[in-house]
């Protein structure tokens, strides 16, 4: 992680971006598993 002080807009934006990416990857994985299980 970058040595940025907590509470700064950059830190908040960075955290939000990481959370968003995490949720997106989770959702993609869940959708993929659902599609794969439907195919079987």
N, C-alpha and C. Protein backbone atom coordinates (compact mmCIF):
# COMPACT_ATOMS: atom_id res chain seq x y z
N UNK A 1 0.84 -1.21 0.00
CA UNK A 1 0.00 0.00 0.00
C UNK A 1 0.87 1.25 0.00
N UNK A 2 0.31 2.31 -0.54
CA UNK A 2 1.04 3.57 -0.57
C UNK A 2 1.00 4.23 0.80
N UNK A 3 2.07 4.92 1.18
CA UNK A 3 2.10 5.61 2.48
C UNK A 3 1.28 6.89 2.44
N UNK A 4 -0.03 6.75 2.31
CA UNK A 4 -0.92 7.92 2.27
C UNK A 4 -1.67 8.01 3.59
N UNK A 5 -1.80 9.21 4.09
CA UNK A 5 -2.50 9.39 5.37
C UNK A 5 -3.96 8.99 5.24
N UNK A 6 -4.46 8.30 6.24
CA UNK A 6 -5.86 7.91 6.21
C UNK A 6 -6.74 9.14 6.36
N UNK A 7 -7.88 9.15 5.64
CA UNK A 7 -8.79 10.27 5.73
C UNK A 7 -8.66 11.22 4.56
N UNK A 8 -7.59 11.08 3.79
CA UNK A 8 -7.43 11.95 2.62
C UNK A 8 -8.29 11.43 1.48
N UNK A 9 -8.73 12.29 0.59
CA UNK A 9 -9.56 11.85 -0.54
C UNK A 9 -8.87 10.76 -1.36
N UNK A 10 -7.54 10.85 -1.52
CA UNK A 10 -6.83 9.83 -2.29
C UNK A 10 -6.98 8.47 -1.63
N UNK A 11 -6.83 8.44 -0.29
CA UNK A 11 -6.93 7.17 0.43
C UNK A 11 -8.35 6.59 0.30
N UNK A 12 -9.34 7.47 0.42
CA UNK A 12 -10.73 7.02 0.32
C UNK A 12 -11.01 6.48 -1.08
N UNK A 13 -10.55 7.22 -2.10
CA UNK A 13 -10.77 6.78 -3.48
C UNK A 13 -10.06 5.46 -3.73
N UNK A 14 -8.84 5.33 -3.21
CA UNK A 14 -8.08 4.09 -3.41
C UNK A 14 -8.81 2.91 -2.78
N UNK A 15 -9.32 3.12 -1.56
CA UNK A 15 -10.04 2.04 -0.88
C UNK A 15 -11.31 1.68 -1.63
N UNK A 16 -12.03 2.70 -2.10
CA UNK A 16 -13.26 2.44 -2.84
C UNK A 16 -12.96 1.68 -4.13
N UNK A 17 -11.89 2.06 -4.80
CA UNK A 17 -11.53 1.39 -6.05
C UNK A 17 -11.20 -0.08 -5.79
N UNK A 18 -10.47 -0.34 -4.71
CA UNK A 18 -10.11 -1.72 -4.37
C UNK A 18 -11.36 -2.53 -4.02
N UNK A 19 -12.26 -1.93 -3.25
CA UNK A 19 -13.49 -2.61 -2.88
C UNK A 19 -14.32 -2.92 -4.13
N UNK A 20 -14.41 -1.93 -5.04
CA UNK A 20 -15.19 -2.11 -6.26
C UNK A 20 -14.62 -3.26 -7.09
N UNK A 21 -13.28 -3.27 -7.24
CA UNK A 21 -12.64 -4.33 -8.02
C UNK A 21 -12.90 -5.69 -7.37
N UNK A 22 -12.83 -5.73 -6.04
CA UNK A 22 -13.05 -6.99 -5.32
C UNK A 22 -14.48 -7.49 -5.55
N UNK A 23 -15.45 -6.59 -5.42
CA UNK A 23 -16.86 -6.97 -5.62
C UNK A 23 -17.09 -7.42 -7.06
N UNK A 24 -16.50 -6.71 -8.00
CA UNK A 24 -16.68 -7.07 -9.41
C UNK A 24 -16.13 -8.46 -9.69
N UNK A 25 -14.94 -8.77 -9.17
CA UNK A 25 -14.35 -10.09 -9.40
C UNK A 25 -15.20 -11.17 -8.72
N UNK A 26 -15.70 -10.86 -7.53
CA UNK A 26 -16.55 -11.83 -6.83
C UNK A 26 -17.80 -12.11 -7.65
N UNK A 27 -18.44 -11.03 -8.13
CA UNK A 27 -19.68 -11.19 -8.89
C UNK A 27 -19.42 -11.98 -10.17
N UNK A 28 -18.30 -11.70 -10.82
CA UNK A 28 -17.95 -12.41 -12.06
C UNK A 28 -17.76 -13.90 -11.76
N UNK A 29 -17.08 -14.21 -10.66
CA UNK A 29 -16.86 -15.61 -10.30
C UNK A 29 -18.17 -16.32 -9.99
N UNK A 30 -19.06 -15.64 -9.27
CA UNK A 30 -20.35 -16.24 -8.92
C UNK A 30 -21.18 -16.49 -10.18
N UNK A 31 -21.21 -15.49 -11.07
CA UNK A 31 -21.97 -15.64 -12.31
C UNK A 31 -21.42 -16.79 -13.13
N UNK A 32 -20.09 -16.90 -13.19
CA UNK A 32 -19.46 -17.97 -13.97
C UNK A 32 -19.83 -19.34 -13.39
N UNK A 33 -19.77 -19.46 -12.07
CA UNK A 33 -20.09 -20.75 -11.45
C UNK A 33 -21.56 -21.10 -11.67
N UNK A 34 -22.44 -20.09 -11.64
CA UNK A 34 -23.87 -20.34 -11.88
C UNK A 34 -24.07 -20.84 -13.31
N UNK A 35 -23.42 -20.15 -14.26
CA UNK A 35 -23.56 -20.56 -15.66
C UNK A 35 -23.02 -21.96 -15.87
N UNK A 36 -21.87 -22.27 -15.25
CA UNK A 36 -21.28 -23.60 -15.41
C UNK A 36 -22.18 -24.67 -14.80
N UNK A 37 -22.76 -24.41 -13.64
CA UNK A 37 -23.61 -25.41 -13.00
C UNK A 37 -24.90 -25.60 -13.80
N UNK A 38 -25.38 -24.55 -14.45
CA UNK A 38 -26.58 -24.68 -15.27
C UNK A 38 -26.29 -25.55 -16.49
N UNK A 39 -25.07 -25.41 -17.03
CA UNK A 39 -24.71 -26.14 -18.24
C UNK A 39 -24.63 -27.65 -17.96
N UNK A 40 -24.19 -28.02 -16.76
CA UNK A 40 -24.00 -29.44 -16.45
C UNK A 40 -25.33 -30.19 -16.38
